[in-house]
Amino acid sequence: MTDPRPIPRPATVLVAALVDLGCVVGFAAVGRASHDEDVLTGLLITAWPFVVALAAGWVVLLAWRRPTAPIRTGVGVWAVTVVGGMLLRGLTGGGTAVPFVLVTTGVLLVLLVGWRGVVRLVSHRRS
């Protein structure tokens, strides 16, 4: 049996991946800036575990098949990004204080699932 959904265009997949990356890196940059820390120097230190986990989430979930799906892709990518990012931070000596975990979980949920929800809403209104 074949999948009735159309195959997404490569440009759609690329844009979705870049939006996800921008959400993760942007969140890390805002977090560093809000704590009066050096954004550019510390950005890589803060963002890399979550960027690696984000990439893993894309691979594990085959996110390129439905890159803009809020539930199937967005929730899965969010969960892998948060759990994987926190595990990598913890294993490499980064902080995993409860407030950081809670804020990261909530903000990345809104960002990684939220933009997909907006895309879904706009596309349904157009059709």
PDB file of N, CA and C in Angstrom:
ATOM      1  N   MET A   1       0.853  -1.183   0.000  1.00  0.00           N
ATOM      2  CA  MET A   1       0.000   0.000   0.000  1.00  0.00           C
ATOM      3  C   MET A   1       0.892   1.237   0.000  1.00  0.00           C
ATOM      4  N   THR A   2       0.558   2.187  -0.824  1.00  0.00           N
ATOM      5  CA  THR A   2       1.362   3.404  -0.908  1.00  0.00           C
ATOM      6  C   THR A   2       0.774   4.495  -0.033  1.00  0.00           C
ATOM      7  N   ASP A   3       1.628   5.409   0.334  1.00  0.00           N
ATOM      8  CA  ASP A   3       1.221   6.538   1.171  1.00  0.00           C
ATOM      9  C   ASP A   3       0.503   7.567   0.297  1.00  0.00           C
ATOM     10  N   PRO A   4      -0.750   7.941   0.625  1.00  0.00           N
ATOM     11  CA  PRO A   4      -1.505   8.873  -0.218  1.00  0.00           C
ATOM     12  C   PRO A   4      -1.027  10.324  -0.120  1.00  0.00           C
ATOM     13  N   ARG A   5      -0.218  10.631   0.863  1.00  0.00           N
ATOM     14  CA  ARG A   5       0.251  12.017   1.013  1.00  0.00           C
ATOM     15  C   ARG A   5       1.301  12.319  -0.047  1.00  0.00           C
ATOM     16  N   PRO A   6       1.275  13.538  -0.573  1.00  0.00           N
ATOM     17  CA  PRO A   6       2.294  13.906  -1.555  1.00  0.00           C
ATOM     18  C   PRO A   6       3.672  14.002  -0.900  1.00  0.00           C
ATOM     19  N   ILE A   7       4.682  13.730  -1.680  1.00  0.00           N
ATOM     20  CA  ILE A   7       6.061  13.855  -1.200  1.00  0.00           C
ATOM     21  C   ILE A   7       6.389  15.349  -1.124  1.00  0.00           C
ATOM     22  N   PRO A   8       6.897  15.806   0.028  1.00  0.00           N
ATOM     23  CA  PRO A   8       7.209  17.237   0.132  1.00  0.00           C
ATOM     24  C   PRO A   8       8.360  17.622  -0.800  1.00  0.00           C
ATOM     25  N   ARG A   9       8.292  18.838  -1.260  1.00  0.00           N
ATOM     26  CA  ARG A   9       9.363  19.353  -2.119  1.00  0.00           C
ATOM     27  C   ARG A   9      10.641  19.493  -1.304  1.00  0.00           C
ATOM     28  N   PRO A  10      11.804  19.303  -1.914  1.00  0.00           N
ATOM     29  CA  PRO A  10      13.071  19.472  -1.191  1.00  0.00           C
ATOM     30  C   PRO A  10      13.193  20.846  -0.532  1.00  0.00           C
ATOM     31  N   ALA A  11      12.658  21.870  -1.191  1.00  0.00           N
ATOM     32  CA  ALA A  11      12.725  23.219  -0.606  1.00  0.00           C
ATOM     33  C   ALA A  11      11.924  23.276   0.688  1.00  0.00           C
ATOM     34  N   THR A  12      10.796  22.594   0.743  1.00  0.00           N
ATOM     35  CA  THR A  12       9.978  22.567   1.957  1.00  0.00           C
ATOM     36  C   THR A  12      10.740  21.886   3.090  1.00  0.00           C
ATOM     37  N   VAL A  13      11.386  20.790   2.776  1.00  0.00           N
ATOM     38  CA  VAL A  13      12.169  20.058   3.778  1.00  0.00           C
ATOM     39  C   VAL A  13      13.311  20.931   4.288  1.00  0.00           C
ATOM     40  N   LEU A  14      14.024  21.576   3.374  1.00  0.00           N
ATOM     41  CA  LEU A  14      15.148  22.429   3.765  1.00  0.00           C
ATOM     42  C   LEU A  14      14.678  23.590   4.635  1.00  0.00           C
ATOM     43  N   VAL A  15      13.607  24.247   4.237  1.00  0.00           N
ATOM     44  CA  VAL A  15      13.100  25.373   5.021  1.00  0.00           C
ATOM     45  C   VAL A  15      12.663  24.900   6.407  1.00  0.00           C
ATOM     46  N   ALA A  16      11.977  23.774   6.486  1.00  0.00           N
ATOM     47  CA  ALA A  16      11.542  23.245   7.785  1.00  0.00           C
ATOM     48  C   ALA A  16      12.736  22.939   8.680  1.00  0.00           C
ATOM     49  N   ALA A  17      13.758  22.326   8.125  1.00  0.00           N
ATOM     50  CA  ALA A  17      14.955  22.015   8.916  1.00  0.00           C
ATOM     51  C   ALA A  17      15.639  23.295   9.392  1.00  0.00           C
ATOM     52  N   LEU A  18      15.698  24.292   8.532  1.00  0.00           N
ATOM     53  CA  LEU A  18      16.334  25.560   8.907  1.00  0.00           C
ATOM     54  C   LEU A  18      15.506  26.322   9.944  1.00  0.00           C
ATOM     55  N   VAL A  19      14.187  26.246   9.846  1.00  0.00           N
ATOM     56  CA  VAL A  19      13.341  26.891  10.857  1.00  0.00           C
ATOM     57  C   VAL A  19      13.558  26.212  12.203  1.00  0.00           C
ATOM     58  N   ASP A  20      13.587  24.880  12.219  1.00  0.00           N
ATOM     59  CA  ASP A  20      13.865  24.160  13.469  1.00  0.00           C
ATOM     60  C   ASP A  20      15.220  24.568  14.042  1.00  0.00           C
ATOM     61  N   LEU A  21      16.225  24.594  13.189  1.00  0.00           N
ATOM     62  CA  LEU A  21      17.565  24.990  13.635  1.00  0.00           C
ATOM     63  C   LEU A  21      17.546  26.412  14.180  1.00  0.00           C
ATOM     64  N   GLY A  22      16.864  27.307  13.484  1.00  0.00           N
ATOM     65  CA  GLY A  22      16.756  28.690  13.951  1.00  0.00           C
ATOM     66  C   GLY A  22      16.048  28.788  15.295  1.00  0.00           C
ATOM     67  N   CYS A  23      15.034  27.960  15.496  1.00  0.00           N
ATOM     68  CA  CYS A  23      14.321  27.954  16.788  1.00  0.00           C
ATOM     69  C   CYS A  23      15.257  27.546  17.920  1.00  0.00           C
ATOM     70  N   VAL A  24      16.024  26.492  17.703  1.00  0.00           N
ATOM     71  CA  VAL A  24      16.914  25.986  18.751  1.00  0.00           C
ATOM     72  C   VAL A  24      18.045  26.972  19.020  1.00  0.00           C
ATOM     73  N   VAL A  25      18.697  27.428  17.974  1.00  0.00           N
ATOM     74  CA  VAL A  25      19.817  28.359  18.156  1.00  0.00           C
ATOM     75  C   VAL A  25      19.314  29.706  18.675  1.00  0.00           C
ATOM     76  N   GLY A  26      18.179  30.153  18.178  1.00  0.00           N
ATOM     77  CA  GLY A  26      17.607  31.410  18.666  1.00  0.00           C
ATOM     78  C   GLY A  26      17.254  31.338  20.138  1.00  0.00           C
ATOM     79  N   PHE A  27      16.676  30.222  20.558  1.00  0.00           N
ATOM     80  CA  PHE A  27      16.351  30.050  21.974  1.00  0.00           C
ATOM     81  C   PHE A  27      17.623  30.097  22.822  1.00  0.00           C
ATOM     82  N   ALA A  28      18.667  29.425  22.369  1.00  0.00           N
ATOM     83  CA  ALA A  28      19.933  29.442  23.115  1.00  0.00           C
ATOM     84  C   ALA A  28      20.510  30.854  23.179  1.00  0.00           C
ATOM     85  N   ALA A  29      20.432  31.585  22.086  1.00  0.00           N
ATOM     86  CA  ALA A  29      20.968  32.956  22.059  1.00  0.00           C
ATOM     87  C   ALA A  29      20.184  33.870  22.996  1.00  0.00           C
ATOM     88  N   VAL A  30      18.865  33.776  22.966  1.00  0.00           N
ATOM     89  CA  VAL A  30      18.042  34.607  23.846  1.00  0.00           C
ATOM     90  C   VAL A  30      18.305  34.250  25.307  1.00  0.00           C
ATOM     91  N   GLY A  31      18.448  32.963  25.581  1.00  0.00           N
ATOM     92  CA  GLY A  31      18.746  32.526  26.946  1.00  0.00           C
ATOM     93  C   GLY A  31      20.063  33.083  27.450  1.00  0.00           C
ATOM     94  N   ARG A  32      21.081  33.027  26.610  1.00  0.00           N
ATOM     95  CA  ARG A  32      22.388  33.570  27.015  1.00  0.00           C
ATOM     96  C   ARG A  32      22.287  35.070  27.226  1.00  0.00           C
ATOM     97  N   ALA A  33      21.628  35.766  26.320  1.00  0.00           N
ATOM     98  CA  ALA A  33      21.515  37.217  26.436  1.00  0.00           C
ATOM     99  C   ALA A  33      20.696  37.618  27.659  1.00  0.00           C
ATOM    100  N   SER A  34      19.672  36.839  27.995  1.00  0.00           N
ATOM    101  CA  SER A  34      18.822  37.202  29.134  1.00  0.00           C
ATOM    102  C   SER A  34      19.531  37.017  30.466  1.00  0.00           C
ATOM    103  N   HIS A  35      20.618  36.271  30.442  1.00  0.00           N
ATOM    104  CA  HIS A  35      21.405  36.076  31.659  1.00  0.00           C
ATOM    105  C   HIS A  35      22.680  36.920  31.636  1.00  0.00           C
ATOM    106  N   ASP A  36      22.685  37.921  30.770  1.00  0.00           N
ATOM    107  CA  ASP A  36      23.835  38.828  30.627  1.00  0.00           C
ATOM    108  C   ASP A  36      25.136  38.066  30.395  1.00  0.00           C
ATOM    109  N   GLU A  37      25.047  37.016  29.595  1.00  0.00           N
ATOM    110  CA  GLU A  37      26.230  36.235  29.250  1.00  0.00           C
ATOM    111  C   GLU A  37      26.631  36.565  27.827  1.00  0.00           C
ATOM    112  N   ASP A  38      27.893  36.298  27.506  1.00  0.00           N
ATOM    113  CA  ASP A  38      28.404  36.544  26.169  1.00  0.00           C
ATOM    114  C   ASP A  38      27.688  35.619  25.189  1.00  0.00           C
ATOM    115  N   VAL A  39      26.888  36.205  24.324  1.00  0.00           N
ATOM    116  CA  VAL A  39      26.056  35.409  23.423  1.00  0.00           C
ATOM    117  C   VAL A  39      26.905  34.660  22.410  1.00  0.00           C
ATOM    118  N   LEU A  40      27.794  35.352  21.719  1.00  0.00           N
ATOM    119  CA  LEU A  40      28.533  34.702  20.639  1.00  0.00           C
ATOM    120  C   LEU A  40      29.486  33.633  21.140  1.00  0.00           C
ATOM    121  N   THR A  41      30.223  33.910  22.173  1.00  0.00           N
ATOM    122  CA  THR A  41      31.194  32.934  22.672  1.00  0.00           C
ATOM    123  C   THR A  41      30.503  31.718  23.259  1.00  0.00           C
ATOM    124  N   GLY A  42      29.473  31.937  24.037  1.00  0.00           N
ATOM    125  CA  GLY A  42      28.815  30.837  24.708  1.00  0.00           C
ATOM    126  C   GLY A  42      27.716  30.155  23.928  1.00  0.00           C
ATOM    127  N   LEU A  43      27.347  30.717  22.778  1.00  0.00           N
ATOM    128  CA  LEU A  43      26.238  30.156  22.018  1.00  0.00           C
ATOM    129  C   LEU A  43      26.498  28.716  21.609  1.00  0.00           C
ATOM    130  N   LEU A  44      27.669  28.453  21.113  1.00  0.00           N
ATOM    131  CA  LEU A  44      27.996  27.086  20.696  1.00  0.00           C
ATOM    132  C   LEU A  44      27.927  26.129  21.873  1.00  0.00           C
ATOM    133  N   ILE A  45      28.431  26.558  23.017  1.00  0.00           N
ATOM    134  CA  ILE A  45      28.415  25.708  24.212  1.00  0.00           C
ATOM    135  C   ILE A  45      26.981  25.381  24.622  1.00  0.00           C
ATOM    136  N   THR A  46      26.116  26.363  24.560  1.00  0.00           N
ATOM    137  CA  THR A  46      24.732  26.162  24.974  1.00  0.00           C
ATOM    138  C   THR A  46      23.925  25.407  23.926  1.00  0.00           C
ATOM    139  N   ALA A  47      24.114  25.724  22.662  1.00  0.00           N
ATOM    140  CA  ALA A  47      23.242  25.198  21.608  1.00  0.00           C
ATOM    141  C   ALA A  47      23.618  23.812  21.115  1.00  0.00           C
ATOM    142  N   TRP A  48      24.902  23.451  21.108  1.00  0.00           N
ATOM    143  CA  TRP A  48      25.298  22.230  20.404  1.00  0.00           C
ATOM    144  C   TRP A  48      24.571  20.965  20.856  1.00  0.00           C
ATOM    145  N   PRO A  49      24.326  20.736  22.157  1.00  0.00           N
ATOM    146  CA  PRO A  49      23.637  19.488  22.508  1.00  0.00           C
ATOM    147  C   PRO A  49      22.235  19.402  21.911  1.00  0.00           C
ATOM    148  N   PHE A  50      21.567  20.538  21.833  1.00  0.00           N
ATOM    149  CA  PHE A  50      20.210  20.571  21.315  1.00  0.00           C
ATOM    150  C   PHE A  50      20.194  20.499  19.791  1.00  0.00           C
ATOM    151  N   VAL A  51      21.210  21.057  19.152  1.00  0.00           N
ATOM    152  CA  VAL A  51      21.323  20.955  17.691  1.00  0.00           C
ATOM    153  C   VAL A  51      21.588  19.503  17.298  1.00  0.00           C
ATOM    154  N   VAL A  52      22.469  18.842  18.018  1.00  0.00           N
ATOM    155  CA  VAL A  52      22.750  17.422  17.748  1.00  0.00           C
ATOM    156  C   VAL A  52      21.487  16.590  17.970  1.00  0.00           C
ATOM    157  N   ALA A  53      20.785  16.841  19.061  1.00  0.00           N
ATOM    158  CA  ALA A  53      19.558  16.098  19.350  1.00  0.00           C
ATOM    159  C   ALA A  53      18.473  16.408  18.314  1.00  0.00           C
ATOM    160  N   LEU A  54      18.399  17.641  17.863  1.00  0.00           N
ATOM    161  CA  LEU A  54      17.451  18.013  16.818  1.00  0.00           C
ATOM    162  C   LEU A  54      17.727  17.207  15.547  1.00  0.00           C
ATOM    163  N   ALA A  55      18.983  17.141  15.159  1.00  0.00           N
ATOM    164  CA  ALA A  55      19.353  16.360  13.967  1.00  0.00           C
ATOM    165  C   ALA A  55      18.994  14.887  14.154  1.00  0.00           C
ATOM    166  N   ALA A  56      19.254  14.359  15.340  1.00  0.00           N
ATOM    167  CA  ALA A  56      18.889  12.971  15.625  1.00  0.00           C
ATOM    168  C   ALA A  56      17.383  12.782  15.531  1.00  0.00           C
ATOM    169  N   GLY A  57      16.625  13.742  16.036  1.00  0.00           N
ATOM    170  CA  GLY A  57      15.171  13.664  15.952  1.00  0.00           C
ATOM    171  C   GLY A  57      14.689  13.630  14.511  1.00  0.00           C
ATOM    172  N   TRP A  58      15.294  14.432  13.663  1.00  0.00           N
ATOM    173  CA  TRP A  58      14.927  14.423  12.245  1.00  0.00           C
ATOM    174  C   TRP A  58      15.191  13.062  11.622  1.00  0.00           C
ATOM    175  N   VAL A  59      16.327  12.460  11.984  1.00  0.00           N
ATOM    176  CA  VAL A  59      16.682  11.155  11.410  1.00  0.00           C
ATOM    177  C   VAL A  59      15.782  10.052  11.960  1.00  0.00           C
ATOM    178  N   VAL A  60      15.630  10.004  13.271  1.00  0.00           N
ATOM    179  CA  VAL A  60      14.837   8.945  13.911  1.00  0.00           C
ATOM    180  C   VAL A  60      13.384   8.991  13.442  1.00  0.00           C
ATOM    181  N   LEU A  61      12.832  10.183  13.317  1.00  0.00           N
ATOM    182  CA  LEU A  61      11.419  10.334  12.961  1.00  0.00           C
ATOM    183  C   LEU A  61      11.169  10.411  11.455  1.00  0.00           C
ATOM    184  N   LEU A  62      12.243  10.365  10.673  1.00  0.00           N
ATOM    185  CA  LEU A  62      12.122  10.530   9.219  1.00  0.00           C
ATOM    186  C   LEU A  62      11.326  11.801   8.916  1.00  0.00           C
ATOM    187  N   ALA A  63      11.716  12.862   9.571  1.00  0.00           N
ATOM    188  CA  ALA A  63      10.957  14.114   9.545  1.00  0.00           C
ATOM    189  C   ALA A  63      10.826  14.712   8.152  1.00  0.00           C
ATOM    190  N   TRP A  64      11.697  14.370   7.250  1.00  0.00           N
ATOM    191  CA  TRP A  64      11.624  14.915   5.900  1.00  0.00           C
ATOM    192  C   TRP A  64      10.393  14.409   5.151  1.00  0.00           C
ATOM    193  N   ARG A  65       9.760  13.332   5.644  1.00  0.00           N
ATOM    194  CA  ARG A  65       8.553  12.826   4.985  1.00  0.00           C
ATOM    195  C   ARG A  65       7.347  13.735   5.210  1.00  0.00           C
ATOM    196  N   ARG A  66       7.257  14.311   6.403  1.00  0.00           N
ATOM    197  CA  ARG A  66       6.157  15.234   6.742  1.00  0.00           C
ATOM    198  C   ARG A  66       6.734  16.357   7.602  1.00  0.00           C
ATOM    199  N   PRO A  67       7.581  17.185   7.029  1.00  0.00           N
ATOM    200  CA  PRO A  67       8.336  18.163   7.830  1.00  0.00           C
ATOM    201  C   PRO A  67       7.495  19.220   8.525  1.00  0.00           C
ATOM    202  N   THR A  68       6.292  19.466   8.039  1.00  0.00           N
ATOM    203  CA  THR A  68       5.477  20.520   8.652  1.00  0.00           C
ATOM    204  C   THR A  68       4.316  19.968   9.477  1.00  0.00           C
ATOM    205  N   ALA A  69       4.276  18.678   9.710  1.00  0.00           N
ATOM    206  CA  ALA A  69       3.188  18.081  10.497  1.00  0.00           C
ATOM    207  C   ALA A  69       3.385  18.411  11.975  1.00  0.00           C
ATOM    208  N   PRO A  70       2.437  19.130  12.591  1.00  0.00           N
ATOM    209  CA  PRO A  70       2.618  19.549  13.985  1.00  0.00           C
ATOM    210  C   PRO A  70       2.708  18.386  14.977  1.00  0.00           C
ATOM    211  N   ILE A  71       1.853  17.391  14.827  1.00  0.00           N
ATOM    212  CA  ILE A  71       1.822  16.310  15.809  1.00  0.00           C
ATOM    213  C   ILE A  71       2.861  15.246  15.468  1.00  0.00           C
ATOM    214  N   ARG A  72       2.758  14.650  14.313  1.00  0.00           N
ATOM    215  CA  ARG A  72       3.640  13.544  13.967  1.00  0.00           C
ATOM    216  C   ARG A  72       5.110  13.959  13.985  1.00  0.00           C
ATOM    217  N   THR A  73       5.416  15.065  13.377  1.00  0.00           N
ATOM    218  CA  THR A  73       6.812  15.494  13.295  1.00  0.00           C
ATOM    219  C   THR A  73       7.168  16.467  14.409  1.00  0.00           C
ATOM    220  N   GLY A  74       6.358  17.490  14.613  1.00  0.00           N
ATOM    221  CA  GLY A  74       6.690  18.533  15.581  1.00  0.00           C
ATOM    222  C   GLY A  74       6.848  18.016  16.993  1.00  0.00           C
ATOM    223  N   VAL A  75       5.881  17.247  17.460  1.00  0.00           N
ATOM    224  CA  VAL A  75       5.954  16.739  18.835  1.00  0.00           C
ATOM    225  C   VAL A  75       7.122  15.772  18.984  1.00  0.00           C
ATOM    226  N   GLY A  76       7.324  14.911  17.992  1.00  0.00           N
ATOM    227  CA  GLY A  76       8.438  13.966  18.064  1.00  0.00           C
ATOM    228  C   GLY A  76       9.791  14.650  18.051  1.00  0.00           C
ATOM    229  N   VAL A  77       9.963  15.601  17.139  1.00  0.00           N
ATOM    230  CA  VAL A  77      11.227  16.342  17.069  1.00  0.00           C
ATOM    231  C   VAL A  77      11.453  17.106  18.365  1.00  0.00           C
ATOM    232  N   TRP A  78      10.415  17.718  18.895  1.00  0.00           N
ATOM    233  CA  TRP A  78      10.527  18.432  20.172  1.00  0.00           C
ATOM    234  C   TRP A  78      10.985  17.492  21.281  1.00  0.00           C
ATOM    235  N   ALA A  79      10.348  16.340  21.407  1.00  0.00           N
ATOM    236  CA  ALA A  79      10.679  15.408  22.486  1.00  0.00           C
ATOM    237  C   ALA A  79      12.118  14.909  22.374  1.00  0.00           C
ATOM    238  N   VAL A  80      12.529  14.534  21.194  1.00  0.00           N
ATOM    239  CA  VAL A  80      13.909  14.049  21.011  1.00  0.00           C
ATOM    240  C   VAL A  80      14.901  15.177  21.264  1.00  0.00           C
ATOM    241  N   THR A  81      14.570  16.379  20.816  1.00  0.00           N
ATOM    242  CA  THR A  81      15.473  17.524  21.012  1.00  0.00           C
ATOM    243  C   THR A  81      15.663  17.831  22.491  1.00  0.00           C
ATOM    244  N   VAL A  82      14.574  17.860  23.245  1.00  0.00           N
ATOM    245  CA  VAL A  82      14.673  18.187  24.670  1.00  0.00           C
ATOM    246  C   VAL A  82      15.381  17.067  25.437  1.00  0.00           C
ATOM    247  N   VAL A  83      14.912  15.843  25.278  1.00  0.00           N
ATOM    248  CA  VAL A  83      15.502  14.726  26.037  1.00  0.00           C
ATOM    249  C   VAL A  83      16.951  14.506  25.629  1.00  0.00           C
ATOM    250  N   GLY A  84      17.206  14.452  24.331  1.00  0.00           N
ATOM    251  CA  GLY A  84      18.577  14.246  23.861  1.00  0.00           C
ATOM    252  C   GLY A  84      19.498  15.389  24.232  1.00  0.00           C
ATOM    253  N   GLY A  85      19.004  16.611  24.093  1.00  0.00           N
ATOM    254  CA  GLY A  85      19.816  17.776  24.444  1.00  0.00           C
ATOM    255  C   GLY A  85      20.168  17.801  25.919  1.00  0.00           C
ATOM    256  N   MET A  86      19.193  17.493  26.766  1.00  0.00           N
ATOM    257  CA  MET A  86      19.456  17.469  28.206  1.00  0.00           C
ATOM    258  C   MET A  86      20.427  16.342  28.574  1.00  0.00           C
ATOM    259  N   LEU A  87      20.263  15.187  27.956  1.00  0.00           N
ATOM    260  CA  LEU A  87      21.204  14.083  28.220  1.00  0.00           C
ATOM    261  C   LEU A  87      22.621  14.459  27.807  1.00  0.00           C
ATOM    262  N   LEU A  88      22.758  15.038  26.626  1.00  0.00           N
ATOM    263  CA  LEU A  88      24.091  15.452  26.174  1.00  0.00           C
ATOM    264  C   LEU A  88      24.674  16.534  27.076  1.00  0.00           C
ATOM    265  N   ARG A  89      23.854  17.493  27.482  1.00  0.00           N
ATOM    266  CA  ARG A  89      24.341  18.527  28.415  1.00  0.00           C
ATOM    267  C   ARG A  89      24.820  17.892  29.708  1.00  0.00           C
ATOM    268  N   GLY A  90      24.014  17.006  30.263  1.00  0.00           N
ATOM    269  CA  GLY A  90      24.378  16.370  31.519  1.00  0.00           C
ATOM    270  C   GLY A  90      25.642  15.542  31.404  1.00  0.00           C
ATOM    271  N   LEU A  91      25.776  14.797  30.315  1.00  0.00           N
ATOM    272  CA  LEU A  91      26.948  13.935  30.122  1.00  0.00           C
ATOM    273  C   LEU A  91      28.229  14.725  29.885  1.00  0.00           C
ATOM    274  N   THR A  92      28.101  15.958  29.416  1.00  0.00           N
ATOM    275  CA  THR A  92      29.285  16.770  29.125  1.00  0.00           C
ATOM    276  C   THR A  92      29.507  17.877  30.146  1.00  0.00           C
ATOM    277  N   GLY A  93      28.828  17.788  31.286  1.00  0.00           N
ATOM    278  CA  GLY A  93      29.066  18.735  32.371  1.00  0.00           C
ATOM    279  C   GLY A  93      28.259  20.005  32.306  1.00  0.00           C
ATOM    280  N   GLY A  94      27.288  20.088  31.406  1.00  0.00           N
ATOM    281  CA  GLY A  94      26.432  21.263  31.335  1.00  0.00           C
ATOM    282  C   GLY A  94      25.356  21.202  32.398  1.00  0.00           C
ATOM    283  N   GLY A  95      24.784  22.321  32.699  1.00  0.00           N
ATOM    284  CA  GLY A  95      23.763  22.386  33.727  1.00  0.00           C
ATOM    285  C   GLY A  95      22.431  21.819  33.275  1.00  0.00           C
ATOM    286  N   THR A  96      21.789  21.124  34.188  1.00  0.00           N
ATOM    287  CA  THR A  96      20.448  20.592  33.924  1.00  0.00           C
ATOM    288  C   THR A  96      19.537  20.877  35.122  1.00  0.00           C
ATOM    289  N   ALA A  97      19.647  22.075  35.639  1.00  0.00           N
ATOM    290  CA  ALA A  97      18.808  22.471  36.771  1.00  0.00           C
ATOM    291  C   ALA A  97      17.335  22.409  36.359  1.00  0.00           C
ATOM    292  N   VAL A  98      16.487  22.078  37.303  1.00  0.00           N
ATOM    293  CA  VAL A  98      15.059  21.913  37.022  1.00  0.00           C
ATOM    294  C   VAL A  98      14.458  23.136  36.322  1.00  0.00           C
ATOM    295  N   PRO A  99      14.718  24.367  36.777  1.00  0.00           N
ATOM    296  CA  PRO A  99      14.136  25.512  36.056  1.00  0.00           C
ATOM    297  C   PRO A  99      14.587  25.576  34.593  1.00  0.00           C
ATOM    298  N   PHE A 100      15.852  25.247  34.329  1.00  0.00           N
ATOM    299  CA  PHE A 100      16.352  25.241  32.952  1.00  0.00           C
ATOM    300  C   PHE A 100      15.625  24.183  32.134  1.00  0.00           C
ATOM    301  N   VAL A 101      15.443  23.007  32.696  1.00  0.00           N
ATOM    302  CA  VAL A 101      14.749  21.921  31.999  1.00  0.00           C
ATOM    303  C   VAL A 101      13.307  22.329  31.697  1.00  0.00           C
ATOM    304  N   LEU A 102      12.632  22.918  32.670  1.00  0.00           N
ATOM    305  CA  LEU A 102      11.234  23.316  32.480  1.00  0.00           C
ATOM    306  C   LEU A 102      11.089  24.406  31.425  1.00  0.00           C
ATOM    307  N   VAL A 103      11.934  25.411  31.494  1.00  0.00           N
ATOM    308  CA  VAL A 103      11.864  26.503  30.517  1.00  0.00           C
ATOM    309  C   VAL A 103      12.207  25.986  29.121  1.00  0.00           C
ATOM    310  N   THR A 104      13.242  25.199  29.020  1.00  0.00           N
ATOM    311  CA  THR A 104      13.639  24.649  27.726  1.00  0.00           C
ATOM    312  C   THR A 104      12.522  23.789  27.139  1.00  0.00           C
ATOM    313  N   THR A 105      11.941  22.946  27.967  1.00  0.00           N
ATOM    314  CA  THR A 105      10.849  22.077  27.512  1.00  0.00           C
ATOM    315  C   THR A 105       9.678  22.891  26.990  1.00  0.00           C
ATOM    316  N   GLY A 106       9.259  23.889  27.754  1.00  0.00           N
ATOM    317  CA  GLY A 106       8.118  24.704  27.349  1.00  0.00           C
ATOM    318  C   GLY A 106       8.374  25.551  26.132  1.00  0.00           C
ATOM    319  N   VAL A 107       9.505  26.230  26.115  1.00  0.00           N
ATOM    320  CA  VAL A 107       9.796  27.130  24.993  1.00  0.00           C
ATOM    321  C   VAL A 107       9.997  26.340  23.708  1.00  0.00           C
ATOM    322  N   LEU A 108      10.738  25.248  23.767  1.00  0.00           N
ATOM    323  CA  LEU A 108      10.941  24.463  22.547  1.00  0.00           C
ATOM    324  C   LEU A 108       9.645  23.803  22.079  1.00  0.00           C
ATOM    325  N   LEU A 109       8.749  23.477  22.989  1.00  0.00           N
ATOM    326  CA  LEU A 109       7.439  22.963  22.582  1.00  0.00           C
ATOM    327  C   LEU A 109       6.701  24.025  21.763  1.00  0.00           C
ATOM    328  N   VAL A 110       6.657  25.228  22.294  1.00  0.00           N
ATOM    329  CA  VAL A 110       5.965  26.310  21.591  1.00  0.00           C
ATOM    330  C   VAL A 110       6.626  26.585  20.239  1.00  0.00           C
ATOM    331  N   LEU A 111       7.948  26.607  20.207  1.00  0.00           N
ATOM    332  CA  LEU A 111       8.643  26.928  18.965  1.00  0.00           C
ATOM    333  C   LEU A 111       8.564  25.816  17.932  1.00  0.00           C
ATOM    334  N   LEU A 112       8.954  24.597  18.310  1.00  0.00           N
ATOM    335  CA  LEU A 112       9.066  23.511  17.334  1.00  0.00           C
ATOM    336  C   LEU A 112       7.714  22.965  16.879  1.00  0.00           C
ATOM    337  N   VAL A 113       6.738  22.982  17.750  1.00  0.00           N
ATOM    338  CA  VAL A 113       5.392  22.542  17.355  1.00  0.00           C
ATOM    339  C   VAL A 113       4.586  23.743  16.862  1.00  0.00           C
ATOM    340  N   GLY A 114       4.800  24.895  17.473  1.00  0.00           N
ATOM    341  CA  GLY A 114       4.016  26.083  17.161  1.00  0.00           C
ATOM    342  C   GLY A 114       4.121  26.546  15.722  1.00  0.00           C
ATOM    343  N   TRP A 115       5.334  26.614  15.186  1.00  0.00           N
ATOM    344  CA  TRP A 115       5.440  27.094  13.805  1.00  0.00           C
ATOM    345  C   TRP A 115       4.750  26.138  12.844  1.00  0.00           C
ATOM    346  N   ARG A 116       4.797  24.859  13.162  1.00  0.00           N
ATOM    347  CA  ARG A 116       4.112  23.878  12.319  1.00  0.00           C
ATOM    348  C   ARG A 116       2.597  24.044  12.403  1.00  0.00           C
ATOM    349  N   GLY A 117       2.107  24.355  13.594  1.00  0.00           N
ATOM    350  CA  GLY A 117       0.679  24.609  13.755  1.00  0.00           C
ATOM    351  C   GLY A 117       0.223  25.812  12.959  1.00  0.00           C
ATOM    352  N   VAL A 118       1.035  26.850  12.946  1.00  0.00           N
ATOM    353  CA  VAL A 118       0.713  28.045  12.165  1.00  0.00           C
ATOM    354  C   VAL A 118       0.687  27.700  10.680  1.00  0.00           C
ATOM    355  N   VAL A 119       1.663  26.949  10.215  1.00  0.00           N
ATOM    356  CA  VAL A 119       1.693  26.539   8.805  1.00  0.00           C
ATOM    357  C   VAL A 119       0.449  25.730   8.467  1.00  0.00           C
ATOM    358  N   ARG A 120       0.082  24.796   9.347  1.00  0.00           N
ATOM    359  CA  ARG A 120      -1.101  23.967   9.110  1.00  0.00           C
ATOM    360  C   ARG A 120      -2.355  24.833   9.041  1.00  0.00           C
ATOM    361  N   LEU A 121      -2.489  25.770   9.972  1.00  0.00           N
ATOM    362  CA  LEU A 121      -3.660  26.648   9.997  1.00  0.00           C
ATOM    363  C   LEU A 121      -3.752  27.487   8.729  1.00  0.00           C
ATOM    364  N   VAL A 122      -2.636  28.081   8.323  1.00  0.00           N
ATOM    365  CA  VAL A 122      -2.625  28.917   7.128  1.00  0.00           C
ATOM    366  C   VAL A 122      -2.930  28.081   5.881  1.00  0.00           C
ATOM    367  N   SER A 123      -2.360  26.902   5.783  1.00  0.00           N
ATOM    368  CA  SER A 123      -2.596  26.070   4.599  1.00  0.00           C
ATOM    369  C   SER A 123      -4.040  25.595   4.518  1.00  0.00           C
ATOM    370  N   HIS A 124      -4.655  25.316   5.672  1.00  0.00           N
ATOM    371  CA  HIS A 124      -6.065  24.914   5.665  1.00  0.00           C
ATOM    372  C   HIS A 124      -6.972  26.077   5.282  1.00  0.00           C
ATOM    373  N   ARG A 125      -6.623  27.267   5.694  1.00  0.00           N
ATOM    374  CA  ARG A 125      -7.440  28.439   5.354  1.00  0.00           C
ATOM    375  C   ARG A 125      -7.344  28.772   3.868  1.00  0.00           C
ATOM    376  N   ARG A 126      -6.188  28.486   3.280  1.00  0.00           N
ATOM    377  CA  ARG A 126      -6.011  28.763   1.850  1.00  0.00           C
ATOM    378  C   ARG A 126      -6.766  27.761   0.979  1.00  0.00           C
ATOM    379  N   SER A 127      -6.944  26.559   1.490  1.00  0.00           N
ATOM    380  CA  SER A 127      -7.602  25.527   0.658  1.00  0.00           C
ATOM    381  C   SER A 127      -9.089  25.452   0.855  1.00  0.00           C
TER     382      SER A 127
END
